Structures are given as structure tokens and as C-alpha cells.
Amino acid sequence: MQILILILSILLPPVGVALKHGINNDFWINVILTIIMFVPGVIHAIYVNFLR
């Protein structure tokens, strides 16, 4: 399951966050970061899913 979350965090960051944490504040922050620029969304998804 961790590998699937990692792949989704890189390809579709909001989906990776939603899969692990659900639709909460982290998801909406990630959606905004992904819309503004893709790379901050990926960094945030990896941080939320694996480092926090």
C-alpha cells in the first residue's frame, strides 16, 4: 500500500493525500498547491504522507 501511495503522491498528489488521510485540510492545501504549481503539491504530498 505504501508504494501505491508514493506513486500517487508523485503522479496525482491530491489523490495520494486523500487516499491516506481523507478529505481534510491537508487535502485542500495540496489541491491549492498543485493548482498553483505541480512541484509544491508533490513535495507537500510526500511530506504529509511519509515524513509527518
C-alpha atoms as a PDB file:
ATOM      1  CA  MET A   1       0.000   0.000   0.000  1.00  0.00           C
ATOM      2  CA  GLN A   2       2.892   2.385   0.727  1.00  0.00           C
ATOM      3  CA  ILE A   3       4.219   2.021  -2.814  1.00  0.00           C
ATOM      4  CA  LEU A   4       0.796   2.859  -4.276  1.00  0.00           C
ATOM      5  CA  ILE A   5       0.583   5.965  -2.080  1.00  0.00           C
ATOM      6  CA  LEU A   6       4.101   7.005  -3.136  1.00  0.00           C
ATOM      7  CA  ILE A   7       3.305   6.605  -6.838  1.00  0.00           C
ATOM      8  CA  LEU A   8       0.042   8.530  -6.479  1.00  0.00           C
ATOM      9  CA  SER A   9       1.803  11.233  -4.447  1.00  0.00           C
ATOM     10  CA  ILE A  10       4.163  11.792  -7.354  1.00  0.00           C
ATOM     11  CA  LEU A  11       1.688  11.499 -10.230  1.00  0.00           C
ATOM     12  CA  LEU A  12      -1.526  12.865  -8.642  1.00  0.00           C
ATOM     13  CA  PRO A  13      -0.621  14.500  -5.317  1.00  0.00           C
ATOM     14  CA  PRO A  14      -4.164  15.254  -4.047  1.00  0.00           C
ATOM     15  CA  VAL A  15      -5.239  11.662  -4.679  1.00  0.00           C
ATOM     16  CA  GLY A  16      -2.270  10.369  -2.684  1.00  0.00           C
ATOM     17  CA  VAL A  17      -3.128  12.635   0.245  1.00  0.00           C
ATOM     18  CA  ALA A  18      -6.834  11.782   0.090  1.00  0.00           C
ATOM     19  CA  LEU A  19      -6.114   8.058  -0.021  1.00  0.00           C
ATOM     20  CA  LYS A  20      -4.147   8.152   3.213  1.00  0.00           C
ATOM     21  CA  HIS A  21      -5.803  10.998   5.161  1.00  0.00           C
ATOM     22  CA  GLY A  22      -9.208  11.519   3.581  1.00  0.00           C
ATOM     23  CA  ILE A  23     -10.740  14.808   2.535  1.00  0.00           C
ATOM     24  CA  ASN A  24      -9.481  17.192   5.213  1.00  0.00           C
ATOM     25  CA  ASN A  25      -7.360  20.346   5.455  1.00  0.00           C
ATOM     26  CA  ASP A  26      -4.237  18.593   4.146  1.00  0.00           C
ATOM     27  CA  PHE A  27      -6.129  17.558   1.021  1.00  0.00           C
ATOM     28  CA  TRP A  28      -7.353  21.089   0.287  1.00  0.00           C
ATOM     29  CA  ILE A  29      -3.916  22.611   0.902  1.00  0.00           C
ATOM     30  CA  ASN A  30      -2.482  20.072  -1.509  1.00  0.00           C
ATOM     31  CA  VAL A  31      -5.126  20.845  -4.144  1.00  0.00           C
ATOM     32  CA  ILE A  32      -4.258  24.548  -3.957  1.00  0.00           C
ATOM     33  CA  LEU A  33      -0.512  23.869  -4.137  1.00  0.00           C
ATOM     34  CA  THR A  34      -0.983  21.507  -7.078  1.00  0.00           C
ATOM     35  CA  ILE A  35      -3.099  24.052  -8.966  1.00  0.00           C
ATOM     36  CA  ILE A  36      -0.593  26.859  -8.379  1.00  0.00           C
ATOM     37  CA  MET A  37       2.411  24.726  -9.360  1.00  0.00           C
ATOM     38  CA  PHE A  38       2.762  20.973  -9.584  1.00  0.00           C
ATOM     39  CA  VAL A  39       6.090  20.553  -7.757  1.00  0.00           C
ATOM     40  CA  PRO A  40       4.983  22.115  -4.425  1.00  0.00           C
ATOM     41  CA  GLY A  41       1.973  19.798  -4.492  1.00  0.00           C
ATOM     42  CA  VAL A  42       4.246  16.772  -4.872  1.00  0.00           C
ATOM     43  CA  ILE A  43       6.550  17.957  -2.095  1.00  0.00           C
ATOM     44  CA  HIS A  44       3.604  18.565   0.231  1.00  0.00           C
ATOM     45  CA  ALA A  45       2.075  15.159  -0.560  1.00  0.00           C
ATOM     46  CA  ILE A  46       5.320  13.345   0.196  1.00  0.00           C
ATOM     47  CA  TYR A  47       5.786  15.369   3.383  1.00  0.00           C
ATOM     48  CA  VAL A  48       2.260  14.720   4.640  1.00  0.00           C
ATOM     49  CA  ASN A  49       2.218  11.027   3.742  1.00  0.00           C
ATOM     50  CA  PHE A  50       5.699   9.934   4.757  1.00  0.00           C
ATOM     51  CA  LEU A  51       7.511  12.494   6.906  1.00  0.00           C
ATOM     52  CA  ARG A  52       4.791  13.631   9.271  1.00  0.00           C
END
